[in-house]
C-alpha atoms as a PDB file:
ATOM      1  CA  MET A   1     111.909  66.784   9.180  1.00  0.00           C
ATOM      2  CA  SER A   2     109.977  63.524  10.061  1.00  0.00           C
ATOM      3  CA  THR A   3     107.143  63.270  12.479  1.00  0.00           C
ATOM      4  CA  SER A   4     109.074  60.946  14.680  1.00  0.00           C
ATOM      5  CA  ALA A   5     112.066  63.462  14.706  1.00  0.00           C
ATOM      6  CA  LEU A   6     109.831  66.305  15.619  1.00  0.00           C
ATOM      7  CA  LYS A   7     108.110  64.232  18.413  1.00  0.00           C
ATOM      8  CA  LYS A   8     111.615  63.345  19.785  1.00  0.00           C
ATOM      9  CA  ILE A   9     112.720  67.014  19.831  1.00  0.00           C
ATOM     10  CA  ILE A  10     109.534  67.904  21.798  1.00  0.00           C
ATOM     11  CA  GLN A  11     109.923  65.067  24.227  1.00  0.00           C
ATOM     12  CA  ASN A  12     113.587  66.032  24.824  1.00  0.00           C
ATOM     13  CA  GLY A  13     112.523  69.647  25.151  1.00  0.00           C
ATOM     14  CA  ILE A  14     110.006  69.162  27.890  1.00  0.00           C
ATOM     15  CA  ARG A  15     111.859  66.433  29.786  1.00  0.00           C
ATOM     16  CA  ASP A  16     113.246  68.684  32.515  1.00  0.00           C
ATOM     17  CA  LEU A  17     110.635  71.424  32.536  1.00  0.00           C
ATOM     18  CA  PRO A  18     109.139  72.502  35.978  1.00  0.00           C
ATOM     19  CA  GLU A  19     105.419  71.914  36.456  1.00  0.00           C
ATOM     20  CA  GLU A  20     104.481  75.454  35.538  1.00  0.00           C
ATOM     21  CA  GLY A  21     106.312  75.012  32.110  1.00  0.00           C
ATOM     22  CA  LEU A  22     104.534  71.770  31.466  1.00  0.00           C
ATOM     23  CA  LYS A  23     101.191  73.462  32.183  1.00  0.00           C
ATOM     24  CA  MET A  24     102.153  76.160  29.630  1.00  0.00           C
ATOM     25  CA  VAL A  25     103.036  73.288  27.143  1.00  0.00           C
ATOM     26  CA  ALA A  26      99.702  71.639  27.697  1.00  0.00           C
ATOM     27  CA  ASP A  27      97.790  74.898  27.216  1.00  0.00           C
ATOM     28  CA  PHE A  28      99.748  75.455  23.886  1.00  0.00           C
ATOM     29  CA  VAL A  29      98.879  71.968  22.775  1.00  0.00           C
ATOM     30  CA  LEU A  30      95.218  72.505  23.546  1.00  0.00           C
ATOM     31  CA  PHE A  31      95.345  75.702  21.625  1.00  0.00           C
ATOM     32  CA  ILE A  32      96.931  73.988  18.610  1.00  0.00           C
ATOM     33  CA  ARG A  33      94.330  71.177  18.729  1.00  0.00           C
ATOM     34  CA  VAL A  34      91.468  73.690  18.896  1.00  0.00           C
ATOM     35  CA  ARG A  35      92.862  75.837  15.983  1.00  0.00           C
ATOM     36  CA  LEU A  36      93.396  72.729  13.752  1.00  0.00           C
ATOM     37  CA  ALA A  37      89.893  71.348  14.616  1.00  0.00           C
ATOM     38  CA  HIS A  38      88.547  74.713  13.708  1.00  0.00           C
ATOM     39  CA  GLU A  39      90.238  74.767  10.462  1.00  0.00           C
ATOM     40  CA  LYS A  40      88.580  71.375   9.726  1.00  0.00           C
ATOM     41  CA  ASP A  41      85.144  73.147  10.276  1.00  0.00           C
ATOM     42  CA  LEU A  42      83.961  70.934  13.149  1.00  0.00           C
ATOM     43  CA  ASP A  43      80.601  71.737  14.404  1.00  0.00           C
ATOM     44  CA  GLU A  44      80.125  73.075  17.883  1.00  0.00           C
ATOM     45  CA  GLU A  45      78.947  69.816  19.460  1.00  0.00           C
ATOM     46  CA  LYS A  46      81.978  67.983  18.251  1.00  0.00           C
ATOM     47  CA  MET A  47      84.279  70.796  19.652  1.00  0.00           C
ATOM     48  CA  MET A  48      82.631  70.634  23.040  1.00  0.00           C
ATOM     49  CA  LYS A  49      83.004  66.850  23.184  1.00  0.00           C
ATOM     50  CA  PHE A  50      86.730  67.308  22.272  1.00  0.00           C
ATOM     51  CA  LEU A  51      87.269  70.006  24.724  1.00  0.00           C
ATOM     52  CA  SER A  52      85.463  67.946  27.503  1.00  0.00           C
ATOM     53  CA  LYS A  53      87.630  64.994  26.781  1.00  0.00           C
ATOM     54  CA  GLU A  54      90.910  67.124  26.865  1.00  0.00           C
ATOM     55  CA  LEU A  55      89.784  68.727  30.278  1.00  0.00           C
ATOM     56  CA  GLU A  56      88.959  65.242  31.759  1.00  0.00           C
ATOM     57  CA  GLN A  57      92.407  63.897  30.745  1.00  0.00           C
ATOM     58  CA  LEU A  58      94.078  67.069  32.293  1.00  0.00           C
ATOM     59  CA  SER A  59      91.965  66.845  35.491  1.00  0.00           C
ATOM     60  CA  ALA A  60      92.842  63.084  35.680  1.00  0.00           C
ATOM     61  CA  SER A  61      96.665  63.906  35.478  1.00  0.00           C
ATOM     62  CA  GLU A  62      96.349  66.659  37.982  1.00  0.00           C
ATOM     63  CA  THR A  63      94.571  64.254  40.325  1.00  0.00           C
ATOM     64  CA  ALA A  64      97.199  61.580  39.842  1.00  0.00           C
ATOM     65  CA  HIS A  65      99.918  64.203  40.573  1.00  0.00           C
ATOM     66  CA  LEU A  66      98.147  65.406  43.770  1.00  0.00           C
ATOM     67  CA  GLU A  67      97.758  61.622  44.967  1.00  0.00           C
ATOM     68  CA  GLU A  68     101.397  61.114  44.395  1.00  0.00           C
ATOM     69  CA  GLU A  69     102.444  64.218  46.238  1.00  0.00           C
ATOM     70  CA  PHE A  70     100.247  63.206  49.333  1.00  0.00           C
ATOM     71  CA  GLU A  71     100.886  59.538  49.186  1.00  0.00           C
ATOM     72  CA  ASN A  72     102.803  59.218  52.492  1.00  0.00           C
ATOM     73  CA  TYR A  73     101.518  62.645  53.985  1.00  0.00           C
ATOM     74  CA  GLU A  74     100.045  61.102  57.102  1.00  0.00           C
ATOM     75  CA  LYS A  75     103.128  58.998  57.789  1.00  0.00           C
ATOM     76  CA  ASP A  76     105.603  61.887  57.092  1.00  0.00           C
ATOM     77  CA  PHE A  77     103.492  64.500  59.034  1.00  0.00           C
ATOM     78  CA  PRO A  78     101.727  62.599  61.914  1.00  0.00           C
ATOM     79  CA  ILE A  79      99.123  64.773  63.762  1.00  0.00           C
ATOM     80  CA  GLU A  80     101.176  64.297  67.061  1.00  0.00           C
ATOM     81  CA  GLN A  81     104.166  66.027  65.499  1.00  0.00           C
ATOM     82  CA  ILE A  82     102.005  69.004  64.265  1.00  0.00           C
ATOM     83  CA  ARG A  83     100.460  69.621  67.671  1.00  0.00           C
ATOM     84  CA  LYS A  84     103.798  69.936  69.468  1.00  0.00           C
END
């Protein structure tokens, strides 16, 4: 099976997963990357840089998700409404 066909299968497979499922997929992808990197005998410094980059990207996507979730929070839940 070609690389593009495999990527399409993966994309279609995760399309409607809930957030918890997507986190599991992200963890598995990180596991695979670390394992493949280890097989290539990367030294510890390169591995740490790689893991830091992966964690930064994950953190950025989590931050974007939270910002999106709370985008209209003050409008949707004004303080006056909460106090009543």
